[in-house]
Amino acid sequence: MSPVLGERKFWQIASQEKLSPSMREFMNYHSHGCLDSQADEK
């Protein structure tokens, strides 16, 4: 099974979504900072 979205595209989409502060922290922690790094590229 292969992913439909690439990892970079996934985090780009996720960074555009409105997340609760705790969910943003959780996702950013488990992605090793990918969520915040994609938000910085906007």
Protein backbone atom coordinates (compact mmCIF):
# COMPACT_ATOMS: atom_id res chain seq x y z
CA MET A 1 0.00 0.00 0.00
CA SER A 2 1.47 3.37 -0.96
CA PRO A 3 0.39 6.79 0.30
CA VAL A 4 -1.84 8.86 -1.97
CA LEU A 5 -0.33 12.16 -0.82
CA GLY A 6 3.35 12.74 -0.39
CA GLU A 7 4.55 13.57 3.10
CA ARG A 8 5.35 17.19 2.19
CA LYS A 9 1.90 17.72 0.63
CA PHE A 10 0.21 16.17 3.67
CA TRP A 11 1.94 18.56 6.09
CA GLN A 12 1.26 21.49 3.76
CA ILE A 13 -2.47 20.73 3.88
CA ALA A 14 -2.41 20.03 7.63
CA SER A 15 -0.68 23.35 8.33
CA GLN A 16 -3.54 25.21 6.61
CA GLU A 17 -6.23 23.62 8.80
CA LYS A 18 -7.55 25.23 11.95
CA LEU A 19 -6.38 23.03 14.83
CA SER A 20 -6.82 23.34 18.56
CA PRO A 21 -3.59 24.32 20.32
CA SER A 22 -3.26 20.85 21.88
CA MET A 23 -3.82 19.08 18.52
CA ARG A 24 -1.28 21.38 16.80
CA GLU A 25 1.27 20.63 19.53
CA PHE A 26 0.58 16.87 19.28
CA MET A 27 0.89 16.77 15.48
CA ASN A 28 3.98 18.97 15.46
CA TYR A 29 5.67 16.85 18.12
CA HIS A 30 5.02 13.59 16.27
CA SER A 31 6.04 15.06 12.92
CA HIS A 32 9.35 16.34 14.35
CA GLY A 33 8.43 19.94 13.51
CA CYS A 34 7.00 19.36 10.01
CA LEU A 35 3.75 21.12 10.83
CA ASP A 36 5.42 24.36 11.91
CA SER A 37 7.97 24.25 9.10
CA GLN A 38 5.17 24.07 6.50
CA ALA A 39 3.31 26.93 8.18
CA ASP A 40 6.48 29.04 7.97
CA GLU A 41 6.66 28.51 4.18
CA LYS A 42 3.27 30.13 3.50
